[in-house]
Amino acid sequence: MAAISREEVAHLARLSRLAVSEEEIDVFAGQLDVILQAVARVGEVVAEDIPPTSHSVPLTNVLRDDVEVPCLTPEEALAGAPDVEEGRFRVPRILEEEA
């Protein structure tokens, strides 16, 4: 596979509307060439007997089933609160604004 040329990198930069310097074109050409070679190597793998997957290992759901369990009533939850207002915990104001 031929290396990506400076002209191709400059063309891609123009298409992407990126302002790149001459030095950056050289750097990007080398980087893009490495990427394209890696993609070409992956494309060489012939594995028709291997099904496409999104993960390398099988995934299983590790969540438990939803099960209703007894819980506190609102009155029980508020029973130990230092201050209650309109069925809610009352806490000190932390912002300097009026309600």
PDB file of N, CA and C in Angstrom:
ATOM      1  N   MET A   1       0.853  -1.179   0.000  1.00  0.00           N
ATOM      2  CA  MET A   1       0.000   0.000   0.000  1.00  0.00           C
ATOM      3  C   MET A   1       0.899   1.242   0.000  1.00  0.00           C
ATOM      4  N   ALA A   2       0.596   2.183  -0.867  1.00  0.00           N
ATOM      5  CA  ALA A   2       1.396   3.396  -0.971  1.00  0.00           C
ATOM      6  C   ALA A   2       1.115   4.327   0.201  1.00  0.00           C
ATOM      7  N   ALA A   3       2.137   5.045   0.592  1.00  0.00           N
ATOM      8  CA  ALA A   3       1.992   6.001   1.695  1.00  0.00           C
ATOM      9  C   ALA A   3       1.099   7.146   1.244  1.00  0.00           C
ATOM     10  N   ILE A   4       0.424   7.757   2.188  1.00  0.00           N
ATOM     11  CA  ILE A   4      -0.425   8.902   1.873  1.00  0.00           C
ATOM     12  C   ILE A   4       0.485  10.095   1.550  1.00  0.00           C
ATOM     13  N   SER A   5       0.148  10.808   0.520  1.00  0.00           N
ATOM     14  CA  SER A   5       1.013  11.906   0.071  1.00  0.00           C
ATOM     15  C   SER A   5       0.694  13.205   0.801  1.00  0.00           C
ATOM     16  N   ARG A   6       1.644  14.128   0.722  1.00  0.00           N
ATOM     17  CA  ARG A   6       1.447  15.457   1.319  1.00  0.00           C
ATOM     18  C   ARG A   6       0.252  16.145   0.666  1.00  0.00           C
ATOM     19  N   GLU A   7       0.097  15.942  -0.656  1.00  0.00           N
ATOM     20  CA  GLU A   7      -1.008  16.566  -1.372  1.00  0.00           C
ATOM     21  C   GLU A   7      -2.355  16.032  -0.888  1.00  0.00           C
ATOM     22  N   GLU A   8      -2.406  14.723  -0.605  1.00  0.00           N
ATOM     23  CA  GLU A   8      -3.641  14.135  -0.087  1.00  0.00           C
ATOM     24  C   GLU A   8      -3.966  14.668   1.305  1.00  0.00           C
ATOM     25  N   VAL A   9      -2.945  14.831   2.135  1.00  0.00           N
ATOM     26  CA  VAL A   9      -3.158  15.387   3.472  1.00  0.00           C
ATOM     27  C   VAL A   9      -3.640  16.829   3.360  1.00  0.00           C
ATOM     28  N   ALA A  10      -3.015  17.615   2.490  1.00  0.00           N
ATOM     29  CA  ALA A  10      -3.433  19.004   2.304  1.00  0.00           C
ATOM     30  C   ALA A  10      -4.868  19.059   1.781  1.00  0.00           C
ATOM     31  N   HIS A  11      -5.213  18.143   0.882  1.00  0.00           N
ATOM     32  CA  HIS A  11      -6.575  18.095   0.351  1.00  0.00           C
ATOM     33  C   HIS A  11      -7.577  17.761   1.460  1.00  0.00           C
ATOM     34  N   LEU A  12      -7.246  16.760   2.281  1.00  0.00           N
ATOM     35  CA  LEU A  12      -8.117  16.411   3.411  1.00  0.00           C
ATOM     36  C   LEU A  12      -8.267  17.582   4.370  1.00  0.00           C
ATOM     37  N   ALA A  13      -7.191  18.319   4.613  1.00  0.00           N
ATOM     38  CA  ALA A  13      -7.254  19.490   5.500  1.00  0.00           C
ATOM     39  C   ALA A  13      -8.189  20.540   4.909  1.00  0.00           C
ATOM     40  N   ARG A  14      -8.094  20.763   3.596  1.00  0.00           N
ATOM     41  CA  ARG A  14      -8.990  21.744   2.957  1.00  0.00           C
ATOM     42  C   ARG A  14     -10.440  21.291   3.058  1.00  0.00           C
ATOM     43  N   LEU A  15     -10.697  20.011   2.776  1.00  0.00           N
ATOM     44  CA  LEU A  15     -12.062  19.495   2.889  1.00  0.00           C
ATOM     45  C   LEU A  15     -12.612  19.643   4.302  1.00  0.00           C
ATOM     46  N   SER A  16     -11.729  19.465   5.298  1.00  0.00           N
ATOM     47  CA  SER A  16     -12.121  19.563   6.706  1.00  0.00           C
ATOM     48  C   SER A  16     -12.110  20.999   7.211  1.00  0.00           C
ATOM     49  N   ARG A  17     -11.685  21.900   6.333  1.00  0.00           N
ATOM     50  CA  ARG A  17     -11.567  23.323   6.679  1.00  0.00           C
ATOM     51  C   ARG A  17     -10.641  23.537   7.872  1.00  0.00           C
ATOM     52  N   LEU A  18      -9.512  22.831   7.831  1.00  0.00           N
ATOM     53  CA  LEU A  18      -8.491  22.956   8.865  1.00  0.00           C
ATOM     54  C   LEU A  18      -7.311  23.741   8.302  1.00  0.00           C
ATOM     55  N   ALA A  19      -6.860  24.697   9.043  1.00  0.00           N
ATOM     56  CA  ALA A  19      -5.659  25.439   8.656  1.00  0.00           C
ATOM     57  C   ALA A  19      -4.460  24.695   9.229  1.00  0.00           C
ATOM     58  N   VAL A  20      -3.616  24.158   8.357  1.00  0.00           N
ATOM     59  CA  VAL A  20      -2.445  23.420   8.809  1.00  0.00           C
ATOM     60  C   VAL A  20      -1.198  23.997   8.151  1.00  0.00           C
ATOM     61  N   SER A  21      -0.107  23.963   8.906  1.00  0.00           N
ATOM     62  CA  SER A  21       1.169  24.455   8.382  1.00  0.00           C
ATOM     63  C   SER A  21       1.849  23.356   7.577  1.00  0.00           C
ATOM     64  N   GLU A  22       2.918  23.727   6.887  1.00  0.00           N
ATOM     65  CA  GLU A  22       3.684  22.751   6.103  1.00  0.00           C
ATOM     66  C   GLU A  22       4.262  21.666   7.004  1.00  0.00           C
ATOM     67  N   GLU A  23       4.717  22.057   8.198  1.00  0.00           N
ATOM     68  CA  GLU A  23       5.277  21.078   9.138  1.00  0.00           C
ATOM     69  C   GLU A  23       4.189  20.114   9.610  1.00  0.00           C
ATOM     70  N   GLU A  24       3.007  20.643   9.872  1.00  0.00           N
ATOM     71  CA  GLU A  24       1.908  19.793  10.329  1.00  0.00           C
ATOM     72  C   GLU A  24       1.500  18.803   9.234  1.00  0.00           C
ATOM     73  N   ILE A  25       1.556  19.229   7.983  1.00  0.00           N
ATOM     74  CA  ILE A  25       1.219  18.315   6.884  1.00  0.00           C
ATOM     75  C   ILE A  25       2.148  17.110   6.909  1.00  0.00           C
ATOM     76  N   ASP A  26       3.450  17.365   7.131  1.00  0.00           N
ATOM     77  CA  ASP A  26       4.408  16.249   7.198  1.00  0.00           C
ATOM     78  C   ASP A  26       4.092  15.325   8.369  1.00  0.00           C
ATOM     79  N   VAL A  27       3.799  15.901   9.534  1.00  0.00           N
ATOM     80  CA  VAL A  27       3.488  15.101  10.723  1.00  0.00           C
ATOM     81  C   VAL A  27       2.213  14.292  10.487  1.00  0.00           C
ATOM     82  N   PHE A  28       1.170  14.966   9.980  1.00  0.00           N
ATOM     83  CA  PHE A  28      -0.106  14.291   9.759  1.00  0.00           C
ATOM     84  C   PHE A  28       0.018  13.200   8.698  1.00  0.00           C
ATOM     85  N   ALA A  29       0.834  13.418   7.689  1.00  0.00           N
ATOM     86  CA  ALA A  29       1.026  12.401   6.648  1.00  0.00           C
ATOM     87  C   ALA A  29       1.590  11.132   7.268  1.00  0.00           C
ATOM     88  N   GLY A  30       2.575  11.269   8.134  1.00  0.00           N
ATOM     89  CA  GLY A  30       3.144  10.098   8.808  1.00  0.00           C
ATOM     90  C   GLY A  30       2.136   9.411   9.701  1.00  0.00           C
ATOM     91  N   GLN A  31       1.374  10.190  10.465  1.00  0.00           N
ATOM     92  CA  GLN A  31       0.387   9.616  11.372  1.00  0.00           C
ATOM     93  C   GLN A  31      -0.735   8.919  10.604  1.00  0.00           C
ATOM     94  N   LEU A  32      -1.224   9.560   9.561  1.00  0.00           N
ATOM     95  CA  LEU A  32      -2.287   8.954   8.769  1.00  0.00           C
ATOM     96  C   LEU A  32      -1.811   7.688   8.072  1.00  0.00           C
ATOM     97  N   ASP A  33      -0.552   7.672   7.641  1.00  0.00           N
ATOM     98  CA  ASP A  33      -0.004   6.482   6.999  1.00  0.00           C
ATOM     99  C   ASP A  33       0.001   5.303   7.971  1.00  0.00           C
ATOM    100  N   VAL A  34       0.389   5.543   9.217  1.00  0.00           N
ATOM    101  CA  VAL A  34       0.385   4.477  10.235  1.00  0.00           C
ATOM    102  C   VAL A  34      -1.032   3.967  10.450  1.00  0.00           C
ATOM    103  N   ILE A  35      -1.987   4.878  10.530  1.00  0.00           N
ATOM    104  CA  ILE A  35      -3.387   4.488  10.743  1.00  0.00           C
ATOM    105  C   ILE A  35      -3.894   3.669   9.568  1.00  0.00           C
ATOM    106  N   LEU A  36      -3.628   4.121   8.351  1.00  0.00           N
ATOM    107  CA  LEU A  36      -4.097   3.401   7.167  1.00  0.00           C
ATOM    108  C   LEU A  36      -3.461   2.017   7.056  1.00  0.00           C
ATOM    109  N   GLN A  37      -2.193   1.891   7.439  1.00  0.00           N
ATOM    110  CA  GLN A  37      -1.550   0.577   7.430  1.00  0.00           C
ATOM    111  C   GLN A  37      -2.204  -0.364   8.439  1.00  0.00           C
ATOM    112  N   ALA A  38      -2.550   0.171   9.613  1.00  0.00           N
ATOM    113  CA  ALA A  38      -3.204  -0.653  10.638  1.00  0.00           C
ATOM    114  C   ALA A  38      -4.579  -1.112  10.152  1.00  0.00           C
ATOM    115  N   VAL A  39      -5.324  -0.227   9.525  1.00  0.00           N
ATOM    116  CA  VAL A  39      -6.643  -0.591   8.996  1.00  0.00           C
ATOM    117  C   VAL A  39      -6.494  -1.639   7.900  1.00  0.00           C
ATOM    118  N   ALA A  40      -5.485  -1.497   7.051  1.00  0.00           N
ATOM    119  CA  ALA A  40      -5.255  -2.473   5.981  1.00  0.00           C
ATOM    120  C   ALA A  40      -4.936  -3.839   6.564  1.00  0.00           C
ATOM    121  N   ARG A  41      -4.166  -3.889   7.671  1.00  0.00           N
ATOM    122  CA  ARG A  41      -3.834  -5.176   8.301  1.00  0.00           C
ATOM    123  C   ARG A  41      -5.088  -5.847   8.842  1.00  0.00           C
ATOM    124  N   VAL A  42      -5.975  -5.059   9.425  1.00  0.00           N
ATOM    125  CA  VAL A  42      -7.218  -5.635   9.938  1.00  0.00           C
ATOM    126  C   VAL A  42      -8.050  -6.173   8.782  1.00  0.00           C
ATOM    127  N   GLY A  43      -8.055  -5.451   7.664  1.00  0.00           N
ATOM    128  CA  GLY A  43      -8.811  -5.892   6.505  1.00  0.00           C
ATOM    129  C   GLY A  43      -8.284  -7.165   5.886  1.00  0.00           C
ATOM    130  N   GLU A  44      -7.039  -7.536   6.156  1.00  0.00           N
ATOM    131  CA  GLU A  44      -6.444  -8.744   5.600  1.00  0.00           C
ATOM    132  C   GLU A  44      -6.921 -10.008   6.307  1.00  0.00           C
ATOM    133  N   VAL A  45      -7.477  -9.875   7.468  1.00  0.00           N
ATOM    134  CA  VAL A  45      -7.920 -11.035   8.237  1.00  0.00           C
ATOM    135  C   VAL A  45      -9.134 -11.650   7.551  1.00  0.00           C
ATOM    136  N   VAL A  46      -9.014 -12.926   7.252  1.00  0.00           N
ATOM    137  CA  VAL A  46     -10.123 -13.654   6.649  1.00  0.00           C
ATOM    138  C   VAL A  46     -10.715 -14.521   7.751  1.00  0.00           C
ATOM    139  N   ALA A  47     -11.897 -14.165   8.185  1.00  0.00           N
ATOM    140  CA  ALA A  47     -12.512 -14.900   9.283  1.00  0.00           C
ATOM    141  C   ALA A  47     -14.010 -15.016   9.038  1.00  0.00           C
ATOM    142  N   GLU A  48     -14.360 -15.660   7.934  1.00  0.00           N
ATOM    143  CA  GLU A  48     -15.771 -15.786   7.600  1.00  0.00           C
ATOM    144  C   GLU A  48     -16.520 -16.659   8.601  1.00  0.00           C
ATOM    145  N   ASP A  49     -15.795 -17.551   9.300  1.00  0.00           N
ATOM    146  CA  ASP A  49     -16.448 -18.434  10.259  1.00  0.00           C
ATOM    147  C   ASP A  49     -16.637 -17.784  11.621  1.00  0.00           C
ATOM    148  N   ILE A  50     -16.123 -16.561  11.792  1.00  0.00           N
ATOM    149  CA  ILE A  50     -16.264 -15.847  13.066  1.00  0.00           C
ATOM    150  C   ILE A  50     -17.361 -14.807  12.919  1.00  0.00           C
ATOM    151  N   PRO A  51     -18.423 -14.916  13.730  1.00  0.00           N
ATOM    152  CA  PRO A  51     -19.525 -13.956  13.599  1.00  0.00           C
ATOM    153  C   PRO A  51     -19.109 -12.567  14.099  1.00  0.00           C
ATOM    154  N   PRO A  52     -19.672 -11.507  13.521  1.00  0.00           N
ATOM    155  CA  PRO A  52     -19.369 -10.151  13.999  1.00  0.00           C
ATOM    156  C   PRO A  52     -19.893  -9.966  15.421  1.00  0.00           C
ATOM    157  N   THR A  53     -19.127  -9.293  16.243  1.00  0.00           N
ATOM    158  CA  THR A  53     -19.522  -9.052  17.627  1.00  0.00           C
ATOM    159  C   THR A  53     -19.212  -7.616  18.010  1.00  0.00           C
ATOM    160  N   SER A  54     -19.857  -7.146  19.047  1.00  0.00           N
ATOM    161  CA  SER A  54     -19.572  -5.804  19.545  1.00  0.00           C
ATOM    162  C   SER A  54     -18.580  -5.834  20.704  1.00  0.00           C
ATOM    163  N   HIS A  55     -18.399  -7.031  21.313  1.00  0.00           N
ATOM    164  CA  HIS A  55     -17.475  -7.184  22.426  1.00  0.00           C
ATOM    165  C   HIS A  55     -16.683  -8.481  22.244  1.00  0.00           C
ATOM    166  N   SER A  56     -15.512  -8.515  22.827  1.00  0.00           N
ATOM    167  CA  SER A  56     -14.670  -9.703  22.683  1.00  0.00           C
ATOM    168  C   SER A  56     -15.108 -10.854  23.578  1.00  0.00           C
ATOM    169  N   VAL A  57     -15.880 -10.551  24.612  1.00  0.00           N
ATOM    170  CA  VAL A  57     -16.387 -11.596  25.498  1.00  0.00           C
ATOM    171  C   VAL A  57     -17.902 -11.467  25.592  1.00  0.00           C
ATOM    172  N   PRO A  58     -18.601 -12.566  25.834  1.00  0.00           N
ATOM    173  CA  PRO A  58     -20.064 -12.469  25.960  1.00  0.00           C
ATOM    174  C   PRO A  58     -20.453 -11.620  27.165  1.00  0.00           C
ATOM    175  N   LEU A  59     -21.486 -10.831  26.997  1.00  0.00           N
ATOM    176  CA  LEU A  59     -21.976  -9.998  28.086  1.00  0.00           C
ATOM    177  C   LEU A  59     -23.238 -10.613  28.671  1.00  0.00           C
ATOM    178  N   THR A  60     -23.368 -10.526  29.985  1.00  0.00           N
ATOM    179  CA  THR A  60     -24.587 -10.970  30.634  1.00  0.00           C
ATOM    180  C   THR A  60     -25.064  -9.864  31.559  1.00  0.00           C
ATOM    181  N   ASN A  61     -26.364  -9.800  31.742  1.00  0.00           N
ATOM    182  CA  ASN A  61     -26.950  -8.802  32.612  1.00  0.00           C
ATOM    183  C   ASN A  61     -26.721  -9.222  34.057  1.00  0.00           C
ATOM    184  N   VAL A  62     -26.096  -8.354  34.846  1.00  0.00           N
ATOM    185  CA  VAL A  62     -25.780  -8.701  36.224  1.00  0.00           C
ATOM    186  C   VAL A  62     -26.731  -8.032  37.212  1.00  0.00           C
ATOM    187  N   LEU A  63     -27.793  -7.436  36.705  1.00  0.00           N
ATOM    188  CA  LEU A  63     -28.750  -6.779  37.593  1.00  0.00           C
ATOM    189  C   LEU A  63     -29.677  -7.811  38.219  1.00  0.00           C
ATOM    190  N   ARG A  64     -30.077  -7.537  39.425  1.00  0.00           N
ATOM    191  CA  ARG A  64     -31.006  -8.437  40.095  1.00  0.00           C
ATOM    192  C   ARG A  64     -32.432  -8.084  39.688  1.00  0.00           C
ATOM    193  N   ASP A  65     -33.355  -8.999  39.933  1.00  0.00           N
ATOM    194  CA  ASP A  65     -34.766  -8.741  39.672  1.00  0.00           C
ATOM    195  C   ASP A  65     -35.273  -7.692  40.663  1.00  0.00           C
ATOM    196  N   ASP A  66     -36.201  -6.863  40.210  1.00  0.00           N
ATOM    197  CA  ASP A  66     -36.833  -5.901  41.109  1.00  0.00           C
ATOM    198  C   ASP A  66     -37.782  -6.647  42.029  1.00  0.00           C
ATOM    199  N   VAL A  67     -37.590  -6.461  43.323  1.00  0.00           N
ATOM    200  CA  VAL A  67     -38.434  -7.116  44.310  1.00  0.00           C
ATOM    201  C   VAL A  67     -38.875  -6.060  45.314  1.00  0.00           C
ATOM    202  N   GLU A  68     -40.185  -5.974  45.505  1.00  0.00           N
ATOM    203  CA  GLU A  68     -40.687  -5.020  46.495  1.00  0.00           C
ATOM    204  C   GLU A  68     -40.371  -5.533  47.893  1.00  0.00           C
ATOM    205  N   VAL A  69     -39.877  -4.618  48.734  1.00  0.00           N
ATOM    206  CA  VAL A  69     -39.594  -4.954  50.128  1.00  0.00           C
ATOM    207  C   VAL A  69     -40.230  -3.884  51.005  1.00  0.00           C
ATOM    208  N   PRO A  70     -40.527  -4.230  52.228  1.00  0.00           N
ATOM    209  CA  PRO A  70     -41.130  -3.226  53.114  1.00  0.00           C
ATOM    210  C   PRO A  70     -40.177  -2.048  53.321  1.00  0.00           C
ATOM    211  N   CYS A  71     -40.749  -0.857  53.396  1.00  0.00           N
ATOM    212  CA  CYS A  71     -39.927   0.321  53.645  1.00  0.00           C
ATOM    213  C   CYS A  71     -40.642   1.233  54.634  1.00  0.00           C
ATOM    214  N   LEU A  72     -39.978   2.303  55.000  1.00  0.00           N
ATOM    215  CA  LEU A  72     -40.542   3.231  55.969  1.00  0.00           C
ATOM    216  C   LEU A  72     -41.691   4.026  55.361  1.00  0.00           C
ATOM    217  N   THR A  73     -42.676   4.327  56.191  1.00  0.00           N
ATOM    218  CA  THR A  73     -43.720   5.261  55.769  1.00  0.00           C
ATOM    219  C   THR A  73     -43.125   6.664  55.878  1.00  0.00           C
ATOM    220  N   PRO A  74     -43.730   7.641  55.237  1.00  0.00           N
ATOM    221  CA  PRO A  74     -43.223   9.013  55.384  1.00  0.00           C
ATOM    222  C   PRO A  74     -43.152   9.448  56.847  1.00  0.00           C
ATOM    223  N   GLU A  75     -44.132   9.069  57.624  1.00  0.00           N
ATOM    224  CA  GLU A  75     -44.138   9.454  59.041  1.00  0.00           C
ATOM    225  C   GLU A  75     -42.965   8.815  59.796  1.00  0.00           C
ATOM    226  N   GLU A  76     -42.674   7.542  59.502  1.00  0.00           N
ATOM    227  CA  GLU A  76     -41.551   6.866  60.153  1.00  0.00           C
ATOM    228  C   GLU A  76     -40.221   7.492  59.735  1.00  0.00           C
ATOM    229  N   ALA A  77     -40.094   7.847  58.458  1.00  0.00           N
ATOM    230  CA  ALA A  77     -38.855   8.451  57.975  1.00  0.00           C
ATOM    231  C   ALA A  77     -38.621   9.807  58.622  1.00  0.00           C
ATOM    232  N   LEU A  78     -39.666  10.576  58.839  1.00  0.00           N
ATOM    233  CA  LEU A  78     -39.537  11.916  59.409  1.00  0.00           C
ATOM    234  C   LEU A  78     -39.517  11.918  60.932  1.00  0.00           C
ATOM    235  N   ALA A  79     -39.772  10.774  61.558  1.00  0.00           N
ATOM    236  CA  ALA A  79     -39.891  10.711  63.021  1.00  0.00           C
ATOM    237  C   ALA A  79     -38.624  11.176  63.731  1.00  0.00           C
ATOM    238  N   GLY A  80     -37.458  10.889  63.184  1.00  0.00           N
ATOM    239  CA  GLY A  80     -36.220  11.272  63.855  1.00  0.00           C
ATOM    240  C   GLY A  80     -35.623  12.568  63.356  1.00  0.00           C
ATOM    241  N   ALA A  81     -36.317  13.261  62.470  1.00  0.00           N
ATOM    242  CA  ALA A  81     -35.777  14.497  61.900  1.00  0.00           C
ATOM    243  C   ALA A  81     -35.812  15.620  62.928  1.00  0.00           C
ATOM    244  N   PRO A  82     -34.761  16.458  62.966  1.00  0.00           N
ATOM    245  CA  PRO A  82     -34.761  17.570  63.919  1.00  0.00           C
ATOM    246  C   PRO A  82     -35.814  18.623  63.589  1.00  0.00           C
ATOM    247  N   ASP A  83     -36.192  18.756  62.319  1.00  0.00           N
ATOM    248  CA  ASP A  83     -37.185  19.762  61.934  1.00  0.00           C
ATOM    249  C   ASP A  83     -37.932  19.265  60.695  1.00  0.00           C
ATOM    250  N   VAL A  84     -39.263  19.360  60.742  1.00  0.00           N
ATOM    251  CA  VAL A  84     -40.113  18.901  59.650  1.00  0.00           C
ATOM    252  C   VAL A  84     -41.043  20.034  59.263  1.00  0.00           C
ATOM    253  N   GLU A  85     -41.276  20.186  57.956  1.00  0.00           N
ATOM    254  CA  GLU A  85     -42.211  21.207  57.474  1.00  0.00           C
ATOM    255  C   GLU A  85     -42.947  20.647  56.266  1.00  0.00           C
ATOM    256  N   GLU A  86     -44.255  20.660  56.304  1.00  0.00           N
ATOM    257  CA  GLU A  86     -45.107  20.189  55.214  1.00  0.00           C
ATOM    258  C   GLU A  86     -44.730  18.780  54.747  1.00  0.00           C
ATOM    259  N   GLY A  87     -44.463  17.886  55.694  1.00  0.00           N
ATOM    260  CA  GLY A  87     -44.169  16.512  55.358  1.00  0.00           C
ATOM    261  C   GLY A  87     -42.798  16.296  54.745  1.00  0.00           C
ATOM    262  N   ARG A  88     -41.875  17.234  54.960  1.00  0.00           N
ATOM    263  CA  ARG A  88     -40.517  17.124  54.411  1.00  0.00           C
ATOM    264  C   ARG A  88     -39.496  17.477  55.476  1.00  0.00           C
ATOM    265  N   PHE A  89     -38.253  17.030  55.237  1.00  0.00           N
ATOM    266  CA  PHE A  89     -37.161  17.449  56.114  1.00  0.00           C
ATOM    267  C   PHE A  89     -36.955  18.949  55.915  1.00  0.00           C
ATOM    268  N   ARG A  90     -36.818  19.684  57.003  1.00  0.00           N
ATOM    269  CA  ARG A  90     -36.511  21.110  56.903  1.00  0.00           C
ATOM    270  C   ARG A  90     -35.034  21.273  57.232  1.00  0.00           C
ATOM    271  N   VAL A  91     -34.311  21.916  56.316  1.00  0.00           N
ATOM    272  CA  VAL A  91     -32.878  22.114  56.489  1.00  0.00           C
ATOM    273  C   VAL A  91     -32.563  23.593  56.408  1.00  0.00           C
ATOM    274  N   PRO A  92     -31.422  24.019  56.956  1.00  0.00           N
ATOM    275  CA  PRO A  92     -31.069  25.439  56.898  1.00  0.00           C
ATOM    276  C   PRO A  92     -30.848  25.892  55.448  1.00  0.00           C
ATOM    277  N   ARG A  93     -31.202  27.121  55.178  1.00  0.00           N
ATOM    278  CA  ARG A  93     -31.000  27.701  53.854  1.00  0.00           C
ATOM    279  C   ARG A  93     -29.501  27.883  53.639  1.00  0.00           C
ATOM    280  N   ILE A  94     -29.028  27.532  52.457  1.00  0.00           N
ATOM    281  CA  ILE A  94     -27.609  27.698  52.168  1.00  0.00           C
ATOM    282  C   ILE A  94     -27.345  28.777  51.120  1.00  0.00           C
ATOM    283  N   LEU A  95     -28.396  29.249  50.475  1.00  0.00           N
ATOM    284  CA  LEU A  95     -28.246  30.305  49.492  1.00  0.00           C
ATOM    285  C   LEU A  95     -28.789  31.611  50.058  1.00  0.00           C
ATOM    286  N   GLU A  96     -28.221  32.688  49.627  1.00  0.00           N
ATOM    287  CA  GLU A  96     -28.643  34.000  50.115  1.00  0.00           C
ATOM    288  C   GLU A  96     -29.720  34.595  49.223  1.00  0.00           C
ATOM    289  N   GLU A  97     -30.787  33.869  49.001  1.00  0.00           N
ATOM    290  CA  GLU A  97     -31.891  34.387  48.220  1.00  0.00           C
ATOM    291  C   GLU A  97     -33.177  34.160  48.973  1.00  0.00           C
ATOM    292  N   GLU A  98     -34.179  34.930  48.645  1.00  0.00           N
ATOM    293  CA  GLU A  98     -35.439  34.789  49.352  1.00  0.00           C
ATOM    294  C   GLU A  98     -36.319  33.756  48.688  1.00  0.00           C
ATOM    295  N   ALA A  99     -37.108  33.099  49.497  1.00  0.00           N
ATOM    296  CA  ALA A  99     -38.001  32.044  48.972  1.00  0.00           C
ATOM    297  C   ALA A  99     -39.216  32.645  48.328  1.00  0.00           C
TER     298      ALA A  99
END
